[in-house]
Amino acid sequence: MKKMILFMALLMALSVLSARQAKAQGKKNQIKTSLVMPLASVFELSYERMLNTEMSLQLGVGIGSMNYVNPQFRYFLSENLEAPSGAFISPYFLIGDEISGGGLTVGYQRLFKQKISLEAYLGPLIAGNVTVWGGINVGLAF
């Protein structure tokens, strides 16, 4: 649990530092939360940083009935939309107290008025056996 709190503090520090840099470069950062994980008594917070017009890195942290860290790389497939809007594929890892594994999700993210993000994703989670990992997130771009 102490590791999860440390990851959350690191995530917040990165977002504050990136926000200062983003003012000069445009909105390349997002802070998001899951709309689905509270059903499993988990609070999830994610930070996404755009690398360029096609790729981003995301780090999610879940705390509650499941504690986990979820690093992801996202590749946006839409030719007519600039990331972070459009369809994406995302290899990911899930590292936690009760479960560890990885997989590949397919999803769609949309940025509304350059401020509000909404995304949905789904894919297999391979952690000893194969199960499903997915979600719906809402967030703020800055």
N, C-alpha and C. Protein backbone atom coordinates (compact mmCIF):
# COMPACT_ATOMS: atom_id res chain seq x y z
N MET A 1 0.81 -1.19 0.00
CA MET A 1 0.00 0.00 0.00
C MET A 1 0.87 1.27 0.00
N LYS A 2 2.00 1.21 0.71
CA LYS A 2 2.90 2.36 0.72
C LYS A 2 3.45 2.64 -0.66
N LYS A 3 3.69 1.58 -1.43
CA LYS A 3 4.17 1.75 -2.80
C LYS A 3 3.13 2.47 -3.66
N MET A 4 1.86 2.13 -3.46
CA MET A 4 0.79 2.78 -4.22
C MET A 4 0.72 4.26 -3.90
N ILE A 5 0.86 4.62 -2.64
CA ILE A 5 0.83 6.03 -2.25
C ILE A 5 2.01 6.77 -2.85
N LEU A 6 3.17 6.13 -2.86
CA LEU A 6 4.36 6.72 -3.48
C LEU A 6 4.14 6.94 -4.98
N PHE A 7 3.55 5.97 -5.67
CA PHE A 7 3.25 6.12 -7.10
C PHE A 7 2.26 7.25 -7.34
N MET A 8 1.26 7.38 -6.48
CA MET A 8 0.29 8.47 -6.63
C MET A 8 0.97 9.83 -6.47
N ALA A 9 1.86 9.94 -5.48
CA ALA A 9 2.57 11.20 -5.26
C ALA A 9 3.45 11.52 -6.46
N LEU A 10 4.12 10.51 -7.01
CA LEU A 10 4.95 10.70 -8.19
C LEU A 10 4.11 11.13 -9.39
N LEU A 11 2.96 10.50 -9.56
CA LEU A 11 2.06 10.85 -10.65
C LEU A 11 1.60 12.30 -10.56
N MET A 12 1.25 12.74 -9.37
CA MET A 12 0.82 14.12 -9.19
C MET A 12 1.98 15.10 -9.43
N ALA A 13 3.17 14.77 -8.96
CA ALA A 13 4.32 15.64 -9.18
C ALA A 13 4.63 15.78 -10.66
N LEU A 14 4.56 14.67 -11.39
CA LEU A 14 4.79 14.72 -12.84
C LEU A 14 3.75 15.58 -13.53
N SER A 15 2.51 15.50 -13.09
CA SER A 15 1.47 16.29 -13.74
C SER A 15 1.67 17.78 -13.50
N VAL A 16 2.09 18.17 -12.30
CA VAL A 16 2.33 19.58 -12.02
C VAL A 16 3.51 20.11 -12.83
N LEU A 17 4.59 19.32 -12.88
CA LEU A 17 5.75 19.73 -13.66
C LEU A 17 5.44 19.82 -15.15
N SER A 18 4.67 18.87 -15.64
CA SER A 18 4.31 18.86 -17.06
C SER A 18 3.36 20.00 -17.41
N ALA A 19 2.53 20.39 -16.47
CA ALA A 19 1.59 21.48 -16.72
C ALA A 19 2.32 22.78 -17.03
N ARG A 20 3.42 23.04 -16.34
CA ARG A 20 4.20 24.25 -16.60
C ARG A 20 4.79 24.22 -18.00
N GLN A 21 5.29 23.06 -18.40
CA GLN A 21 5.87 22.92 -19.73
C GLN A 21 4.79 22.98 -20.81
N ALA A 22 3.60 22.49 -20.51
CA ALA A 22 2.52 22.43 -21.50
C ALA A 22 2.03 23.80 -21.93
N LYS A 23 2.17 24.82 -21.07
CA LYS A 23 1.71 26.15 -21.43
C LYS A 23 2.39 26.65 -22.69
N ALA A 24 3.65 26.33 -22.85
CA ALA A 24 4.39 26.77 -24.02
C ALA A 24 4.15 25.87 -25.23
N GLN A 25 3.74 24.63 -25.02
CA GLN A 25 3.66 23.66 -26.11
C GLN A 25 2.24 23.27 -26.50
N GLY A 26 1.22 23.72 -25.81
CA GLY A 26 -0.13 23.25 -26.08
C GLY A 26 -0.48 22.15 -25.10
N LYS A 27 -1.69 21.60 -25.22
CA LYS A 27 -2.18 20.60 -24.26
C LYS A 27 -1.70 19.21 -24.63
N LYS A 28 -0.74 18.72 -23.87
CA LYS A 28 -0.17 17.39 -24.12
C LYS A 28 -0.36 16.45 -22.94
N ASN A 29 -1.10 16.88 -21.93
CA ASN A 29 -1.25 16.10 -20.71
C ASN A 29 -2.72 15.89 -20.39
N GLN A 30 -2.99 14.77 -19.72
CA GLN A 30 -4.35 14.50 -19.24
C GLN A 30 -4.28 13.81 -17.89
N ILE A 31 -5.20 14.17 -17.03
CA ILE A 31 -5.44 13.45 -15.78
C ILE A 31 -6.82 12.84 -15.92
N LYS A 32 -6.94 11.52 -15.67
CA LYS A 32 -8.21 10.82 -15.90
C LYS A 32 -8.55 9.94 -14.71
N THR A 33 -9.82 9.64 -14.60
CA THR A 33 -10.28 8.69 -13.60
C THR A 33 -11.27 7.72 -14.25
N SER A 34 -11.33 6.54 -13.70
CA SER A 34 -12.21 5.50 -14.24
C SER A 34 -13.64 5.68 -13.75
N LEU A 35 -14.58 5.47 -14.64
CA LEU A 35 -15.99 5.47 -14.26
C LEU A 35 -16.48 4.07 -13.91
N VAL A 36 -15.66 3.05 -14.23
CA VAL A 36 -16.06 1.66 -14.03
C VAL A 36 -15.47 1.06 -12.75
N MET A 37 -14.21 1.36 -12.45
CA MET A 37 -13.53 0.73 -11.32
C MET A 37 -14.18 0.99 -9.96
N PRO A 38 -14.86 2.12 -9.73
CA PRO A 38 -15.55 2.27 -8.43
C PRO A 38 -16.58 1.17 -8.17
N LEU A 39 -17.10 0.53 -9.22
CA LEU A 39 -18.02 -0.60 -9.04
C LEU A 39 -17.33 -1.78 -8.36
N ALA A 40 -15.99 -1.84 -8.49
CA ALA A 40 -15.19 -2.89 -7.84
C ALA A 40 -14.48 -2.33 -6.60
N SER A 41 -14.94 -1.21 -6.08
CA SER A 41 -14.36 -0.55 -4.90
C SER A 41 -12.90 -0.17 -5.11
N VAL A 42 -12.59 0.33 -6.31
CA VAL A 42 -11.23 0.78 -6.63
C VAL A 42 -11.31 2.20 -7.16
N PHE A 43 -10.45 3.08 -6.62
CA PHE A 43 -10.30 4.42 -7.17
C PHE A 43 -9.09 4.38 -8.09
N GLU A 44 -9.27 4.77 -9.36
CA GLU A 44 -8.18 4.75 -10.33
C GLU A 44 -7.92 6.16 -10.83
N LEU A 45 -6.65 6.53 -10.86
CA LEU A 45 -6.23 7.81 -11.38
C LEU A 45 -5.13 7.55 -12.40
N SER A 46 -5.22 8.20 -13.58
CA SER A 46 -4.25 8.00 -14.65
C SER A 46 -3.71 9.32 -15.14
N TYR A 47 -2.47 9.30 -15.56
CA TYR A 47 -1.83 10.46 -16.19
C TYR A 47 -1.37 10.03 -17.57
N GLU A 48 -1.75 10.77 -18.61
CA GLU A 48 -1.34 10.48 -19.97
C GLU A 48 -0.54 11.66 -20.52
N ARG A 49 0.59 11.36 -21.13
CA ARG A 49 1.46 12.38 -21.74
C ARG A 49 1.63 12.06 -23.21
N MET A 50 1.28 13.02 -24.07
CA MET A 50 1.45 12.86 -25.51
C MET A 50 2.93 12.95 -25.85
N LEU A 51 3.43 12.02 -26.66
CA LEU A 51 4.81 12.07 -27.13
C LEU A 51 4.92 12.80 -28.45
N ASN A 52 3.91 12.58 -29.31
CA ASN A 52 3.81 13.27 -30.61
C ASN A 52 2.36 13.13 -31.08
N THR A 53 2.11 13.33 -32.36
CA THR A 53 0.73 13.30 -32.85
C THR A 53 0.15 11.89 -32.98
N GLU A 54 0.97 10.85 -32.74
CA GLU A 54 0.49 9.47 -32.87
C GLU A 54 0.66 8.62 -31.63
N MET A 55 1.46 9.05 -30.65
CA MET A 55 1.81 8.19 -29.53
C MET A 55 1.72 8.91 -28.18
N SER A 56 1.44 8.11 -27.16
CA SER A 56 1.43 8.64 -25.80
C SER A 56 1.84 7.55 -24.82
N LEU A 57 2.20 7.98 -23.63
CA LEU A 57 2.46 7.08 -22.51
C LEU A 57 1.44 7.40 -21.44
N GLN A 58 0.98 6.36 -20.75
CA GLN A 58 0.01 6.56 -19.69
C GLN A 58 0.41 5.72 -18.49
N LEU A 59 0.23 6.28 -17.30
CA LEU A 59 0.46 5.55 -16.06
C LEU A 59 -0.78 5.67 -15.21
N GLY A 60 -1.37 4.53 -14.87
CA GLY A 60 -2.56 4.49 -14.03
C GLY A 60 -2.23 3.82 -12.71
N VAL A 61 -2.90 4.27 -11.65
CA VAL A 61 -2.73 3.70 -10.33
C VAL A 61 -4.11 3.43 -9.76
N GLY A 62 -4.32 2.21 -9.27
CA GLY A 62 -5.59 1.85 -8.64
C GLY A 62 -5.38 1.55 -7.17
N ILE A 63 -6.27 2.09 -6.33
CA ILE A 63 -6.19 1.87 -4.89
C ILE A 63 -7.57 1.50 -4.39
N GLY A 64 -7.64 0.44 -3.57
CA GLY A 64 -8.91 0.01 -3.01
C GLY A 64 -8.90 -1.48 -2.78
N SER A 65 -9.97 -2.16 -3.25
CA SER A 65 -10.03 -3.61 -3.10
C SER A 65 -8.94 -4.30 -3.92
N MET A 66 -8.44 -3.64 -4.95
CA MET A 66 -7.27 -4.08 -5.73
C MET A 66 -6.31 -2.90 -5.76
N ASN A 67 -5.04 -3.16 -5.52
CA ASN A 67 -4.01 -2.13 -5.64
C ASN A 67 -3.12 -2.51 -6.82
N TYR A 68 -2.93 -1.57 -7.75
CA TYR A 68 -2.15 -1.89 -8.94
C TYR A 68 -1.57 -0.63 -9.56
N VAL A 69 -0.58 -0.87 -10.40
CA VAL A 69 0.00 0.14 -11.28
C VAL A 69 -0.18 -0.37 -12.69
N ASN A 70 -0.55 0.53 -13.61
CA ASN A 70 -0.88 0.12 -14.97
C ASN A 70 -0.18 1.04 -15.98
N PRO A 71 1.09 0.75 -16.36
CA PRO A 71 1.75 1.53 -17.41
C PRO A 71 1.29 1.07 -18.79
N GLN A 72 1.12 2.05 -19.71
CA GLN A 72 0.66 1.76 -21.06
C GLN A 72 1.40 2.61 -22.09
N PHE A 73 1.53 2.06 -23.26
CA PHE A 73 1.98 2.81 -24.43
C PHE A 73 0.78 2.84 -25.38
N ARG A 74 0.44 4.00 -25.92
CA ARG A 74 -0.70 4.08 -26.83
C ARG A 74 -0.25 4.57 -28.21
N TYR A 75 -0.74 3.86 -29.22
CA TYR A 75 -0.50 4.25 -30.60
C TYR A 75 -1.85 4.55 -31.22
N PHE A 76 -2.02 5.80 -31.67
CA PHE A 76 -3.30 6.25 -32.23
C PHE A 76 -3.33 5.95 -33.73
N LEU A 77 -4.42 5.32 -34.17
CA LEU A 77 -4.54 4.81 -35.53
C LEU A 77 -5.24 5.76 -36.49
N SER A 78 -5.98 6.72 -36.00
CA SER A 78 -6.79 7.59 -36.85
C SER A 78 -5.92 8.55 -37.65
N GLU A 79 -6.06 8.51 -38.97
CA GLU A 79 -5.27 9.39 -39.84
C GLU A 79 -5.86 10.79 -39.91
N ASN A 80 -7.17 10.91 -39.72
CA ASN A 80 -7.80 12.23 -39.84
C ASN A 80 -7.95 12.95 -38.51
N LEU A 81 -7.59 12.30 -37.39
CA LEU A 81 -7.65 12.93 -36.07
C LEU A 81 -6.26 12.92 -35.46
N GLU A 82 -5.92 14.00 -34.76
CA GLU A 82 -4.63 14.07 -34.09
C GLU A 82 -4.79 13.58 -32.65
N ALA A 83 -3.86 12.75 -32.21
CA ALA A 83 -3.90 12.24 -30.84
C ALA A 83 -3.96 13.41 -29.88
N PRO A 84 -4.72 13.31 -28.82
CA PRO A 84 -5.27 12.10 -28.22
C PRO A 84 -6.69 11.75 -28.64
N SER A 85 -7.15 12.19 -29.78
CA SER A 85 -8.47 11.80 -30.26
C SER A 85 -8.34 10.69 -31.29
N GLY A 86 -9.25 9.72 -31.22
CA GLY A 86 -9.29 8.67 -32.22
C GLY A 86 -9.09 7.28 -31.64
N ALA A 87 -9.06 6.31 -32.54
CA ALA A 87 -8.86 4.91 -32.17
C ALA A 87 -7.40 4.68 -31.80
N PHE A 88 -7.18 3.77 -30.86
CA PHE A 88 -5.81 3.44 -30.45
C PHE A 88 -5.68 1.97 -30.09
N ILE A 89 -4.44 1.49 -30.15
CA ILE A 89 -4.09 0.19 -29.59
C ILE A 89 -3.08 0.47 -28.48
N SER A 90 -3.11 -0.37 -27.46
CA SER A 90 -2.30 -0.07 -26.29
C SER A 90 -1.79 -1.34 -25.61
N PRO A 91 -0.51 -1.69 -25.81
CA PRO A 91 0.06 -2.74 -24.98
C PRO A 91 0.21 -2.19 -23.55
N TYR A 92 -0.01 -3.03 -22.55
CA TYR A 92 0.02 -2.57 -21.17
C TYR A 92 0.49 -3.68 -20.23
N PHE A 93 0.87 -3.26 -19.03
CA PHE A 93 1.17 -4.17 -17.94
C PHE A 93 0.26 -3.82 -16.79
N LEU A 94 -0.07 -4.80 -15.98
CA LEU A 94 -0.82 -4.60 -14.76
C LEU A 94 -0.01 -5.26 -13.66
N ILE A 95 0.48 -4.44 -12.73
CA ILE A 95 1.34 -4.93 -11.66
C ILE A 95 0.65 -4.60 -10.35
N GLY A 96 0.26 -5.65 -9.60
CA GLY A 96 -0.48 -5.38 -8.39
C GLY A 96 -0.25 -6.39 -7.30
N ASP A 97 -0.96 -6.17 -6.17
CA ASP A 97 -0.87 -7.05 -5.01
C ASP A 97 -1.41 -8.44 -5.32
N GLU A 98 -2.56 -8.49 -5.96
CA GLU A 98 -3.25 -9.75 -6.18
C GLU A 98 -3.10 -10.30 -7.60
N ILE A 99 -2.73 -9.44 -8.56
CA ILE A 99 -2.67 -9.87 -9.95
C ILE A 99 -1.56 -9.12 -10.68
N SER A 100 -0.85 -9.82 -11.53
CA SER A 100 0.16 -9.20 -12.38
C SER A 100 0.09 -9.86 -13.75
N GLY A 101 0.20 -9.06 -14.78
CA GLY A 101 0.13 -9.59 -16.14
C GLY A 101 0.19 -8.47 -17.14
N GLY A 102 -0.32 -8.73 -18.31
CA GLY A 102 -0.30 -7.72 -19.36
C GLY A 102 -1.22 -8.12 -20.49
N GLY A 103 -1.26 -7.27 -21.49
CA GLY A 103 -2.13 -7.54 -22.63
C GLY A 103 -2.11 -6.42 -23.63
N LEU A 104 -3.14 -6.39 -24.44
CA LEU A 104 -3.28 -5.39 -25.50
C LEU A 104 -4.74 -4.95 -25.54
N THR A 105 -4.98 -3.66 -25.38
CA THR A 105 -6.35 -3.16 -25.48
C THR A 105 -6.52 -2.40 -26.78
N VAL A 106 -7.75 -2.30 -27.21
CA VAL A 106 -8.16 -1.49 -28.35
C VAL A 106 -9.19 -0.52 -27.80
N GLY A 107 -9.06 0.75 -28.19
CA GLY A 107 -9.99 1.72 -27.63
C GLY A 107 -10.20 2.93 -28.51
N TYR A 108 -11.00 3.84 -27.98
CA TYR A 108 -11.28 5.09 -28.68
C TYR A 108 -11.33 6.19 -27.64
N GLN A 109 -10.65 7.28 -27.94
CA GLN A 109 -10.61 8.43 -27.04
C GLN A 109 -11.01 9.68 -27.82
N ARG A 110 -11.74 10.55 -27.17
CA ARG A 110 -12.16 11.78 -27.83
C ARG A 110 -11.95 12.95 -26.87
N LEU A 111 -11.42 14.03 -27.40
CA LEU A 111 -11.22 15.25 -26.64
C LEU A 111 -12.29 16.25 -27.05
N PHE A 112 -13.06 16.71 -26.09
CA PHE A 112 -14.14 17.66 -26.34
C PHE A 112 -13.72 19.05 -25.89
N LYS A 113 -13.84 20.03 -26.82
CA LYS A 113 -13.50 21.43 -26.56
C LYS A 113 -12.07 21.57 -26.03
N GLN A 114 -11.19 20.65 -26.40
CA GLN A 114 -9.79 20.65 -26.01
C GLN A 114 -9.59 20.63 -24.49
N LYS A 115 -10.60 20.18 -23.75
CA LYS A 115 -10.51 20.18 -22.29
C LYS A 115 -10.93 18.87 -21.65
N ILE A 116 -12.00 18.27 -22.14
CA ILE A 116 -12.58 17.08 -21.52
C ILE A 116 -12.29 15.86 -22.38
N SER A 117 -11.73 14.82 -21.79
CA SER A 117 -11.49 13.59 -22.54
C SER A 117 -12.44 12.51 -22.07
N LEU A 118 -12.85 11.68 -23.00
CA LEU A 118 -13.68 10.53 -22.72
C LEU A 118 -13.14 9.38 -23.54
N GLU A 119 -12.94 8.24 -22.90
CA GLU A 119 -12.37 7.09 -23.61
C GLU A 119 -13.00 5.79 -23.14
N ALA A 120 -12.97 4.81 -24.02
CA ALA A 120 -13.40 3.45 -23.71
C ALA A 120 -12.39 2.51 -24.34
N TYR A 121 -12.08 1.41 -23.65
CA TYR A 121 -11.09 0.45 -24.15
C TYR A 121 -11.42 -0.94 -23.62
N LEU A 122 -10.93 -1.96 -24.33
CA LEU A 122 -11.21 -3.35 -23.97
C LEU A 122 -10.15 -4.24 -24.60
N GLY A 123 -9.77 -5.28 -23.89
CA GLY A 123 -8.81 -6.23 -24.43
C GLY A 123 -8.50 -7.33 -23.43
N PRO A 124 -7.72 -8.31 -23.85
CA PRO A 124 -7.38 -9.41 -22.96
C PRO A 124 -6.33 -9.02 -21.93
N LEU A 125 -6.45 -9.61 -20.74
CA LEU A 125 -5.44 -9.52 -19.70
C LEU A 125 -4.92 -10.93 -19.48
N ILE A 126 -3.63 -11.11 -19.71
CA ILE A 126 -3.02 -12.42 -19.54
C ILE A 126 -2.23 -12.40 -18.23
N ALA A 127 -2.76 -13.11 -17.24
CA ALA A 127 -2.14 -13.17 -15.92
C ALA A 127 -2.37 -14.56 -15.34
N GLY A 128 -1.65 -15.54 -15.86
CA GLY A 128 -1.89 -16.92 -15.47
C GLY A 128 -3.00 -17.54 -16.30
N ASN A 129 -4.12 -16.87 -16.36
CA ASN A 129 -5.21 -17.23 -17.26
C ASN A 129 -5.60 -15.97 -18.04
N VAL A 130 -6.47 -16.11 -18.99
CA VAL A 130 -6.88 -14.97 -19.80
C VAL A 130 -8.22 -14.46 -19.31
N THR A 131 -8.28 -13.19 -19.04
CA THR A 131 -9.52 -12.54 -18.64
C THR A 131 -9.65 -11.24 -19.43
N VAL A 132 -10.60 -10.41 -19.11
CA VAL A 132 -10.85 -9.18 -19.86
C VAL A 132 -10.45 -7.98 -19.02
N TRP A 133 -9.81 -7.00 -19.65
CA TRP A 133 -9.46 -5.74 -19.01
C TRP A 133 -10.04 -4.63 -19.87
N GLY A 134 -10.77 -3.74 -19.26
CA GLY A 134 -11.35 -2.64 -20.01
C GLY A 134 -11.84 -1.56 -19.09
N GLY A 135 -12.36 -0.50 -19.69
CA GLY A 135 -12.88 0.56 -18.87
C GLY A 135 -13.40 1.74 -19.67
N ILE A 136 -13.95 2.67 -18.92
CA ILE A 136 -14.41 3.95 -19.45
C ILE A 136 -13.83 5.01 -18.53
N ASN A 137 -13.09 5.95 -19.10
CA ASN A 137 -12.43 6.99 -18.32
C ASN A 137 -12.89 8.37 -18.77
N VAL A 138 -12.88 9.30 -17.84
CA VAL A 138 -13.14 10.70 -18.13
C VAL A 138 -12.01 11.50 -17.51
N GLY A 139 -11.63 12.60 -18.18
CA GLY A 139 -10.51 13.36 -17.65
C GLY A 139 -10.45 14.78 -18.16
N LEU A 140 -9.39 15.47 -17.74
CA LEU A 140 -9.13 16.84 -18.11
C LEU A 140 -7.80 16.94 -18.83
N ALA A 141 -7.78 17.68 -19.92
CA ALA A 141 -6.56 17.91 -20.68
C ALA A 141 -5.98 19.26 -20.28
N PHE A 142 -4.65 19.33 -20.21
CA PHE A 142 -3.98 20.59 -19.89
C PHE A 142 -2.63 20.64 -20.56
